[in-house]
C-alpha atoms as a PDB file:
ATOM      1  CA  MET A   1    -179.773 171.787 -20.668  1.00  0.00           C
ATOM      2  CA  LYS A   2    -176.161 172.241 -19.573  1.00  0.00           C
ATOM      3  CA  GLU A   3    -174.545 175.658 -19.949  1.00  0.00           C
ATOM      4  CA  PHE A   4    -170.911 175.732 -21.004  1.00  0.00           C
ATOM      5  CA  GLN A   5    -168.224 178.185 -19.889  1.00  0.00           C
ATOM      6  CA  THR A   6    -166.411 178.470 -23.212  1.00  0.00           C
ATOM      7  CA  ILE A   7    -168.894 177.291 -25.841  1.00  0.00           C
ATOM      8  CA  LEU A   8    -172.190 178.566 -27.241  1.00  0.00           C
ATOM      9  CA  ILE A   9    -174.602 176.203 -28.964  1.00  0.00           C
ATOM     10  CA  GLN A  10    -177.500 176.957 -31.312  1.00  0.00           C
ATOM     11  CA  ARG A  11    -179.776 174.437 -33.009  1.00  0.00           C
ATOM     12  CA  ALA A  12    -181.898 175.289 -36.052  1.00  0.00           C
ATOM     13  CA  GLU A  13    -183.368 173.174 -38.857  1.00  0.00           C
ATOM     14  CA  SER A  14    -181.242 170.043 -38.307  1.00  0.00           C
ATOM     15  CA  VAL A  15    -178.017 172.078 -38.053  1.00  0.00           C
ATOM     16  CA  ALA A  16    -176.111 172.780 -34.838  1.00  0.00           C
ATOM     17  CA  LEU A  17    -173.803 175.792 -34.563  1.00  0.00           C
ATOM     18  CA  VAL A  18    -170.991 175.376 -32.020  1.00  0.00           C
ATOM     19  CA  THR A  19    -169.167 178.625 -31.219  1.00  0.00           C
ATOM     20  CA  ILE A  20    -165.889 178.701 -29.307  1.00  0.00           C
ATOM     21  CA  ASN A  21    -166.551 181.682 -27.047  1.00  0.00           C
ATOM     22  CA  ARG A  22    -163.367 183.127 -25.540  1.00  0.00           C
ATOM     23  CA  PRO A  23    -163.130 186.368 -27.544  1.00  0.00           C
ATOM     24  CA  ASP A  24    -160.890 188.059 -24.966  1.00  0.00           C
ATOM     25  CA  LYS A  25    -158.346 185.265 -25.608  1.00  0.00           C
ATOM     26  CA  LEU A  26    -158.997 185.150 -29.371  1.00  0.00           C
ATOM     27  CA  ASN A  27    -160.842 181.872 -28.678  1.00  0.00           C
ATOM     28  CA  ALA A  28    -157.621 180.096 -27.701  1.00  0.00           C
ATOM     29  CA  LEU A  29    -158.164 176.484 -26.675  1.00  0.00           C
ATOM     30  CA  ASN A  30    -157.556 175.655 -23.023  1.00  0.00           C
ATOM     31  CA  SER A  31    -158.298 172.448 -21.126  1.00  0.00           C
ATOM     32  CA  ILE A  32    -161.817 173.564 -20.196  1.00  0.00           C
ATOM     33  CA  CYS A  33    -162.627 174.430 -23.817  1.00  0.00           C
ATOM     34  CA  LEU A  34    -161.317 171.090 -25.083  1.00  0.00           C
ATOM     35  CA  LYS A  35    -163.382 169.224 -22.499  1.00  0.00           C
ATOM     36  CA  GLU A  36    -166.529 171.163 -23.382  1.00  0.00           C
ATOM     37  CA  LEU A  37    -165.932 170.668 -27.102  1.00  0.00           C
ATOM     38  CA  ASP A  38    -165.571 166.944 -26.423  1.00  0.00           C
ATOM     39  CA  GLU A  39    -168.857 166.923 -24.493  1.00  0.00           C
ATOM     40  CA  ILE A  40    -170.886 168.890 -27.019  1.00  0.00           C
ATOM     41  CA  ILE A  41    -169.717 166.829 -30.005  1.00  0.00           C
ATOM     42  CA  THR A  42    -170.734 163.658 -28.146  1.00  0.00           C
ATOM     43  CA  GLU A  43    -174.087 165.224 -27.250  1.00  0.00           C
ATOM     44  CA  LEU A  44    -174.809 166.277 -30.826  1.00  0.00           C
ATOM     45  CA  GLN A  45    -173.845 162.853 -32.167  1.00  0.00           C
ATOM     46  CA  ASN A  46    -176.649 161.414 -30.054  1.00  0.00           C
ATOM     47  CA  GLU A  47    -179.294 163.936 -31.164  1.00  0.00           C
ATOM     48  CA  SER A  48    -181.293 162.397 -33.988  1.00  0.00           C
ATOM     49  CA  GLY A  49    -182.644 165.794 -35.048  1.00  0.00           C
ATOM     50  CA  ILE A  50    -179.162 167.154 -35.783  1.00  0.00           C
ATOM     51  CA  ARG A  51    -177.731 166.092 -39.132  1.00  0.00           C
ATOM     52  CA  CYS A  52    -174.878 168.557 -39.645  1.00  0.00           C
ATOM     53  CA  ILE A  53    -172.620 170.570 -37.313  1.00  0.00           C
ATOM     54  CA  ILE A  54    -170.804 173.883 -37.818  1.00  0.00           C
ATOM     55  CA  ILE A  55    -167.882 174.934 -35.618  1.00  0.00           C
ATOM     56  CA  THR A  56    -166.827 178.594 -35.539  1.00  0.00           C
ATOM     57  CA  GLY A  57    -165.212 181.166 -33.271  1.00  0.00           C
ATOM     58  CA  SER A  58    -166.752 184.150 -31.525  1.00  0.00           C
ATOM     59  CA  GLY A  59    -166.235 187.498 -33.248  1.00  0.00           C
ATOM     60  CA  GLU A  60    -164.517 188.422 -36.514  1.00  0.00           C
ATOM     61  CA  LYS A  61    -160.906 188.469 -35.280  1.00  0.00           C
ATOM     62  CA  ALA A  62    -160.351 184.770 -34.685  1.00  0.00           C
ATOM     63  CA  PHE A  63    -161.664 181.330 -35.380  1.00  0.00           C
ATOM     64  CA  ILE A  64    -159.204 179.931 -32.836  1.00  0.00           C
ATOM     65  CA  ALA A  65    -155.871 181.687 -32.392  1.00  0.00           C
ATOM     66  CA  GLY A  66    -154.210 178.527 -31.056  1.00  0.00           C
ATOM     67  CA  ALA A  67    -153.816 176.682 -27.800  1.00  0.00           C
ATOM     68  CA  ASP A  68    -153.655 178.646 -24.550  1.00  0.00           C
ATOM     69  CA  ILE A  69    -149.908 179.303 -24.167  1.00  0.00           C
ATOM     70  CA  ALA A  70    -150.334 180.661 -20.626  1.00  0.00           C
ATOM     71  CA  GLU A  71    -151.728 177.268 -19.594  1.00  0.00           C
ATOM     72  CA  MET A  72    -149.109 175.300 -21.540  1.00  0.00           C
ATOM     73  CA  HIS A  73    -146.213 177.258 -20.055  1.00  0.00           C
ATOM     74  CA  ALA A  74    -146.449 175.275 -16.833  1.00  0.00           C
ATOM     75  CA  PHE A  75    -146.397 171.840 -18.540  1.00  0.00           C
ATOM     76  CA  ASN A  76    -143.715 169.233 -18.014  1.00  0.00           C
ATOM     77  CA  GLU A  77    -143.102 166.290 -20.360  1.00  0.00           C
ATOM     78  CA  GLU A  78    -145.788 164.115 -18.792  1.00  0.00           C
ATOM     79  CA  SER A  79    -148.508 166.772 -18.724  1.00  0.00           C
ATOM     80  CA  ALA A  80    -147.630 167.860 -22.275  1.00  0.00           C
ATOM     81  CA  ILE A  81    -148.061 164.306 -23.590  1.00  0.00           C
ATOM     82  CA  SER A  82    -151.366 163.946 -21.739  1.00  0.00           C
ATOM     83  CA  TYR A  83    -152.617 167.284 -23.130  1.00  0.00           C
ATOM     84  CA  SER A  84    -151.581 166.350 -26.661  1.00  0.00           C
ATOM     85  CA  LEU A  85    -153.243 162.927 -26.494  1.00  0.00           C
ATOM     86  CA  TYR A  86    -156.477 164.386 -25.170  1.00  0.00           C
ATOM     87  CA  GLY A  87    -156.579 167.133 -27.821  1.00  0.00           C
ATOM     88  CA  GLN A  88    -155.968 164.518 -30.499  1.00  0.00           C
ATOM     89  CA  SER A  89    -158.798 162.370 -29.145  1.00  0.00           C
ATOM     90  CA  VAL A  90    -161.215 165.322 -29.279  1.00  0.00           C
ATOM     91  CA  PHE A  91    -160.200 166.203 -32.834  1.00  0.00           C
ATOM     92  CA  ASN A  92    -160.414 162.519 -33.830  1.00  0.00           C
ATOM     93  CA  LYS A  93    -163.981 162.517 -32.538  1.00  0.00           C
ATOM     94  CA  ILE A  94    -164.652 165.371 -34.967  1.00  0.00           C
ATOM     95  CA  SER A  95    -162.929 163.746 -37.945  1.00  0.00           C
ATOM     96  CA  ASN A  96    -164.606 160.387 -37.242  1.00  0.00           C
ATOM     97  CA  SER A  97    -168.055 161.899 -36.708  1.00  0.00           C
ATOM     98  CA  ARG A  98    -171.027 160.149 -38.344  1.00  0.00           C
ATOM     99  CA  LYS A  99    -172.416 163.631 -38.986  1.00  0.00           C
ATOM    100  CA  PRO A 100    -170.547 166.052 -41.263  1.00  0.00           C
ATOM    101  CA  ILE A 101    -168.775 168.850 -39.394  1.00  0.00           C
ATOM    102  CA  ILE A 102    -167.990 172.138 -41.142  1.00  0.00           C
ATOM    103  CA  ALA A 103    -165.421 174.667 -39.904  1.00  0.00           C
ATOM    104  CA  ALA A 104    -166.585 178.268 -40.459  1.00  0.00           C
ATOM    105  CA  ILE A 105    -163.265 180.075 -40.201  1.00  0.00           C
ATOM    106  CA  ASN A 106    -163.328 183.762 -39.330  1.00  0.00           C
ATOM    107  CA  GLY A 107    -159.972 185.434 -38.717  1.00  0.00           C
ATOM    108  CA  PHE A 108    -156.964 183.716 -37.142  1.00  0.00           C
ATOM    109  CA  ALA A 109    -156.804 179.930 -37.300  1.00  0.00           C
ATOM    110  CA  LEU A 110    -153.341 179.313 -35.928  1.00  0.00           C
ATOM    111  CA  GLY A 111    -151.738 176.322 -34.233  1.00  0.00           C
ATOM    112  CA  GLY A 112    -154.522 174.383 -32.545  1.00  0.00           C
ATOM    113  CA  GLY A 113    -157.031 176.452 -34.518  1.00  0.00           C
ATOM    114  CA  SER A 114    -155.616 175.206 -37.816  1.00  0.00           C
ATOM    115  CA  GLU A 115    -155.473 171.679 -36.417  1.00  0.00           C
ATOM    116  CA  LEU A 116    -159.148 171.873 -35.455  1.00  0.00           C
ATOM    117  CA  ALA A 117    -159.997 173.141 -38.937  1.00  0.00           C
ATOM    118  CA  TRP A 118    -158.044 170.275 -40.552  1.00  0.00           C
ATOM    119  CA  SER A 119    -160.003 167.765 -38.457  1.00  0.00           C
ATOM    120  CA  CYS A 120    -163.366 168.993 -39.798  1.00  0.00           C
ATOM    121  CA  HIS A 121    -164.833 167.402 -42.904  1.00  0.00           C
ATOM    122  CA  LEU A 122    -165.354 170.664 -44.811  1.00  0.00           C
ATOM    123  CA  ARG A 123    -164.035 174.208 -44.390  1.00  0.00           C
ATOM    124  CA  VAL A 124    -165.459 177.622 -45.286  1.00  0.00           C
ATOM    125  CA  ALA A 125    -163.098 180.559 -44.736  1.00  0.00           C
ATOM    126  CA  SER A 126    -163.584 184.293 -44.618  1.00  0.00           C
ATOM    127  CA  GLU A 127    -161.261 186.331 -46.841  1.00  0.00           C
ATOM    128  CA  ASN A 128    -159.646 187.711 -43.678  1.00  0.00           C
ATOM    129  CA  ALA A 129    -158.846 184.241 -42.336  1.00  0.00           C
ATOM    130  CA  MET A 130    -155.197 183.516 -41.632  1.00  0.00           C
ATOM    131  CA  PHE A 131    -153.802 180.016 -41.181  1.00  0.00           C
ATOM    132  CA  GLY A 132    -150.536 178.689 -39.852  1.00  0.00           C
ATOM    133  CA  GLN A 133    -148.733 176.173 -37.663  1.00  0.00           C
ATOM    134  CA  PRO A 134    -146.421 178.554 -35.774  1.00  0.00           C
ATOM    135  CA  GLU A 135    -145.456 176.085 -33.036  1.00  0.00           C
ATOM    136  CA  ILE A 136    -141.832 175.943 -34.247  1.00  0.00           C
ATOM    137  CA  LEU A 137    -141.513 179.658 -33.400  1.00  0.00           C
ATOM    138  CA  LEU A 138    -142.303 178.790 -29.759  1.00  0.00           C
ATOM    139  CA  GLY A 139    -139.849 175.921 -29.594  1.00  0.00           C
ATOM    140  CA  LEU A 140    -142.601 173.361 -30.098  1.00  0.00           C
ATOM    141  CA  ILE A 141    -144.099 171.080 -32.701  1.00  0.00           C
ATOM    142  CA  PRO A 142    -147.864 170.742 -33.259  1.00  0.00           C
ATOM    143  CA  GLY A 143    -149.494 168.495 -30.666  1.00  0.00           C
ATOM    144  CA  PHE A 144    -153.037 168.041 -31.984  1.00  0.00           C
ATOM    145  CA  ALA A 145    -152.050 166.038 -35.106  1.00  0.00           C
ATOM    146  CA  GLY A 146    -150.918 168.955 -37.256  1.00  0.00           C
ATOM    147  CA  THR A 147    -147.816 167.013 -38.328  1.00  0.00           C
ATOM    148  CA  GLN A 148    -150.078 164.157 -39.412  1.00  0.00           C
ATOM    149  CA  ARG A 149    -153.102 165.828 -40.985  1.00  0.00           C
ATOM    150  CA  LEU A 150    -151.434 168.655 -42.900  1.00  0.00           C
ATOM    151  CA  PRO A 151    -149.276 166.305 -45.042  1.00  0.00           C
ATOM    152  CA  ARG A 152    -152.471 164.408 -45.904  1.00  0.00           C
ATOM    153  CA  LEU A 153    -154.118 167.604 -47.134  1.00  0.00           C
ATOM    154  CA  LEU A 154    -151.175 169.274 -48.900  1.00  0.00           C
ATOM    155  CA  PRO A 155    -148.221 168.174 -51.022  1.00  0.00           C
ATOM    156  CA  ARG A 156    -145.688 166.853 -48.498  1.00  0.00           C
ATOM    157  CA  ALA A 157    -142.969 169.387 -49.339  1.00  0.00           C
ATOM    158  CA  VAL A 158    -145.406 172.285 -48.959  1.00  0.00           C
ATOM    159  CA  ALA A 159    -146.676 170.947 -45.641  1.00  0.00           C
ATOM    160  CA  LEU A 160    -143.154 170.427 -44.326  1.00  0.00           C
ATOM    161  CA  GLU A 161    -142.086 173.962 -45.280  1.00  0.00           C
ATOM    162  CA  LEU A 162    -145.086 175.437 -43.457  1.00  0.00           C
ATOM    163  CA  LEU A 163    -144.351 173.335 -40.374  1.00  0.00           C
ATOM    164  CA  LEU A 164    -140.617 174.122 -40.380  1.00  0.00           C
ATOM    165  CA  THR A 165    -140.988 177.877 -40.893  1.00  0.00           C
ATOM    166  CA  GLY A 166    -144.200 178.549 -38.959  1.00  0.00           C
ATOM    167  CA  ALA A 167    -145.264 180.778 -41.857  1.00  0.00           C
ATOM    168  CA  ARG A 168    -148.810 182.103 -41.943  1.00  0.00           C
ATOM    169  CA  PHE A 169    -150.856 181.861 -45.109  1.00  0.00           C
ATOM    170  CA  SER A 170    -154.052 183.505 -46.306  1.00  0.00           C
ATOM    171  CA  ALA A 171    -157.485 182.089 -46.984  1.00  0.00           C
ATOM    172  CA  ALA A 172    -156.850 182.656 -50.693  1.00  0.00           C
ATOM    173  CA  THR A 173    -153.728 180.489 -50.508  1.00  0.00           C
ATOM    174  CA  ALA A 174    -155.597 177.867 -48.495  1.00  0.00           C
ATOM    175  CA  HIS A 175    -158.311 177.823 -51.167  1.00  0.00           C
ATOM    176  CA  LYS A 176    -155.721 177.508 -53.939  1.00  0.00           C
ATOM    177  CA  TYR A 177    -154.329 174.392 -52.261  1.00  0.00           C
ATOM    178  CA  GLY A 178    -157.784 172.930 -51.638  1.00  0.00           C
ATOM    179  CA  LEU A 179    -157.508 173.266 -47.856  1.00  0.00           C
ATOM    180  CA  VAL A 180    -160.794 175.173 -47.758  1.00  0.00           C
ATOM    181  CA  ASN A 181    -163.880 174.528 -49.860  1.00  0.00           C
ATOM    182  CA  TYR A 182    -164.925 178.181 -50.076  1.00  0.00           C
ATOM    183  CA  CYS A 183    -163.278 181.563 -49.517  1.00  0.00           C
ATOM    184  CA  VAL A 184    -165.988 184.195 -49.015  1.00  0.00           C
ATOM    185  CA  PRO A 185    -166.139 187.919 -48.167  1.00  0.00           C
ATOM    186  CA  GLN A 186    -165.742 188.852 -44.515  1.00  0.00           C
ATOM    187  CA  GLY A 187    -169.072 188.649 -42.729  1.00  0.00           C
ATOM    188  CA  GLU A 188    -170.476 185.978 -45.051  1.00  0.00           C
ATOM    189  CA  VAL A 189    -168.699 182.905 -43.703  1.00  0.00           C
ATOM    190  CA  LEU A 190    -171.514 181.723 -41.432  1.00  0.00           C
ATOM    191  CA  ALA A 191    -174.152 182.233 -44.109  1.00  0.00           C
ATOM    192  CA  LYS A 192    -172.134 180.129 -46.563  1.00  0.00           C
ATOM    193  CA  ALA A 193    -171.478 177.462 -43.933  1.00  0.00           C
ATOM    194  CA  ARG A 194    -175.198 177.322 -43.110  1.00  0.00           C
ATOM    195  CA  GLU A 195    -176.061 177.036 -46.803  1.00  0.00           C
ATOM    196  CA  LEU A 196    -173.641 174.119 -47.164  1.00  0.00           C
ATOM    197  CA  ALA A 197    -174.864 172.501 -43.942  1.00  0.00           C
ATOM    198  CA  SER A 198    -178.499 172.756 -45.032  1.00  0.00           C
ATOM    199  CA  ALA A 199    -177.721 171.096 -48.365  1.00  0.00           C
ATOM    200  CA  ILE A 200    -176.001 168.227 -46.548  1.00  0.00           C
ATOM    201  CA  ALA A 201    -178.682 167.936 -43.850  1.00  0.00           C
ATOM    202  CA  ALA A 202    -181.271 167.385 -46.572  1.00  0.00           C
ATOM    203  CA  GLN A 203    -179.543 164.157 -47.620  1.00  0.00           C
ATOM    204  CA  PRO A 204    -180.449 160.809 -45.987  1.00  0.00           C
ATOM    205  CA  ALA A 205    -178.617 160.753 -42.655  1.00  0.00           C
ATOM    206  CA  GLU A 206    -177.815 157.035 -42.575  1.00  0.00           C
ATOM    207  CA  ILE A 207    -176.380 157.151 -46.092  1.00  0.00           C
ATOM    208  CA  VAL A 208    -174.294 160.219 -45.228  1.00  0.00           C
ATOM    209  CA  ALA A 209    -172.853 158.307 -42.250  1.00  0.00           C
ATOM    210  CA  LEU A 210    -171.953 155.350 -44.479  1.00  0.00           C
ATOM    211  CA  LEU A 211    -170.326 157.684 -47.025  1.00  0.00           C
ATOM    212  CA  LEU A 212    -168.217 159.348 -44.319  1.00  0.00           C
ATOM    213  CA  LYS A 213    -167.102 155.940 -43.071  1.00  0.00           C
ATOM    214  CA  ALA A 214    -166.044 154.913 -46.574  1.00  0.00           C
ATOM    215  CA  PHE A 215    -164.259 158.212 -47.142  1.00  0.00           C
ATOM    216  CA  SER A 216    -162.312 157.869 -43.886  1.00  0.00           C
ATOM    217  CA  TRP A 217    -160.605 154.745 -45.239  1.00  0.00           C
ATOM    218  CA  VAL A 218    -158.780 156.673 -47.946  1.00  0.00           C
ATOM    219  CA  ASP A 219    -155.790 157.761 -45.851  1.00  0.00           C
ATOM    220  CA  GLU A 220    -155.382 154.666 -43.722  1.00  0.00           C
ATOM    221  CA  ASN A 221    -155.834 151.736 -46.117  1.00  0.00           C
ATOM    222  CA  SER A 222    -154.859 150.410 -49.516  1.00  0.00           C
ATOM    223  CA  LEU A 223    -157.053 150.945 -52.575  1.00  0.00           C
ATOM    224  CA  SER A 224    -158.074 147.280 -52.603  1.00  0.00           C
ATOM    225  CA  ASP A 225    -159.046 147.341 -48.907  1.00  0.00           C
ATOM    226  CA  GLY A 226    -160.945 150.569 -49.467  1.00  0.00           C
ATOM    227  CA  GLN A 227    -162.821 149.068 -52.401  1.00  0.00           C
ATOM    228  CA  LEU A 228    -163.849 146.072 -50.301  1.00  0.00           C
ATOM    229  CA  MET A 229    -165.094 148.357 -47.518  1.00  0.00           C
ATOM    230  CA  GLU A 230    -166.965 150.470 -50.071  1.00  0.00           C
ATOM    231  CA  SER A 231    -168.746 147.371 -51.386  1.00  0.00           C
ATOM    232  CA  GLN A 232    -169.777 146.332 -47.881  1.00  0.00           C
ATOM    233  CA  LEU A 233    -171.085 149.808 -47.072  1.00  0.00           C
ATOM    234  CA  PHE A 234    -172.800 149.984 -50.469  1.00  0.00           C
ATOM    235  CA  GLY A 235    -174.660 146.844 -49.478  1.00  0.00           C
ATOM    236  CA  LYS A 236    -175.684 148.343 -46.139  1.00  0.00           C
ATOM    237  CA  CYS A 237    -177.399 151.178 -48.011  1.00  0.00           C
ATOM    238  CA  PHE A 238    -179.997 148.654 -49.156  1.00  0.00           C
ATOM    239  CA  LEU A 239    -180.967 147.982 -45.533  1.00  0.00           C
ATOM    240  CA  THR A 240    -182.240 151.557 -45.195  1.00  0.00           C
ATOM    241  CA  LYS A 241    -185.682 152.904 -46.045  1.00  0.00           C
ATOM    242  CA  ASP A 242    -184.137 155.970 -47.650  1.00  0.00           C
ATOM    243  CA  CYS A 243    -182.270 153.870 -50.222  1.00  0.00           C
ATOM    244  CA  LYS A 244    -185.524 152.308 -51.417  1.00  0.00           C
ATOM    245  CA  GLU A 245    -187.258 155.701 -51.322  1.00  0.00           C
ATOM    246  CA  GLY A 246    -184.497 157.407 -53.294  1.00  0.00           C
ATOM    247  CA  MET A 247    -184.526 154.846 -56.100  1.00  0.00           C
ATOM    248  CA  SER A 248    -188.322 154.659 -56.167  1.00  0.00           C
ATOM    249  CA  ALA A 249    -188.510 158.444 -56.454  1.00  0.00           C
ATOM    250  CA  PHE A 250    -186.057 158.377 -59.355  1.00  0.00           C
ATOM    251  CA  LEU A 251    -188.050 155.713 -61.207  1.00  0.00           C
ATOM    252  CA  GLU A 252    -191.311 157.539 -60.511  1.00  0.00           C
ATOM    253  CA  LYS A 253    -189.822 160.893 -61.560  1.00  0.00           C
ATOM    254  CA  ARG A 254    -190.578 162.651 -58.284  1.00  0.00           C
ATOM    255  CA  LYS A 255    -188.629 164.251 -55.447  1.00  0.00           C
ATOM    256  CA  PRO A 256    -187.626 161.766 -52.714  1.00  0.00           C
ATOM    257  CA  ASN A 257    -189.094 162.063 -49.249  1.00  0.00           C
ATOM    258  CA  PHE A 258    -186.234 160.967 -47.017  1.00  0.00           C
ATOM    259  CA  THR A 259    -187.072 159.992 -43.439  1.00  0.00           C
ATOM    260  CA  HIS A 260    -183.422 159.563 -42.352  1.00  0.00           C
ATOM    261  CA  SER A 261    -183.930 155.913 -41.569  1.00  0.00           C
END
């Protein structure tokens, strides 16, 4: 099994824990880290035994403190565009995953760290977590889709103010706006993320994948197009063994025995 330079991976009970491991750099994303994150997400997508993924950062100080500014400082226009496009493609792989991906946010989630969190399906934050898109303070704009995802998660005026000022905001504020699903005491974020992941992993994997596909249409398509897609995916449920098992179990008043097929 391949060993990564910047990422740790643990697998337990159908859940994979991916840890960005650059604590001396507050887990800042560099090119190597992005490439390894790309590789491990692809690998986990192809592992039938994994049904939910958690992404977190090493230590209590930071989830991901941003992109690696020391690396970016040498960019020109061409290399900056290439870096942005690649980061977006990695984060799109996360947001388009057939398996739910949960961000377990401990400490700073700034810049690219916030953008990674926004690309995950669900988010659990520690009370000490701090979010923000501070790129404007460096003479930049977000490059990993922060200008596109944040307005889809927040009221547009709120999102624009945060982007224009680079202001940081707390986990409590993020929870108030619905940016995170849970805000938990420091030290409990991974336990809560695992609890959520286990509940999801218990559901029929093929049906979860169909649900995620339907849900992904919300931002990109009209209501009528989304309804048509939902109907088609609803029909595909009936091609799975778990659909028949789930309904049979309901009619027979017993717990379903899903086989994830």
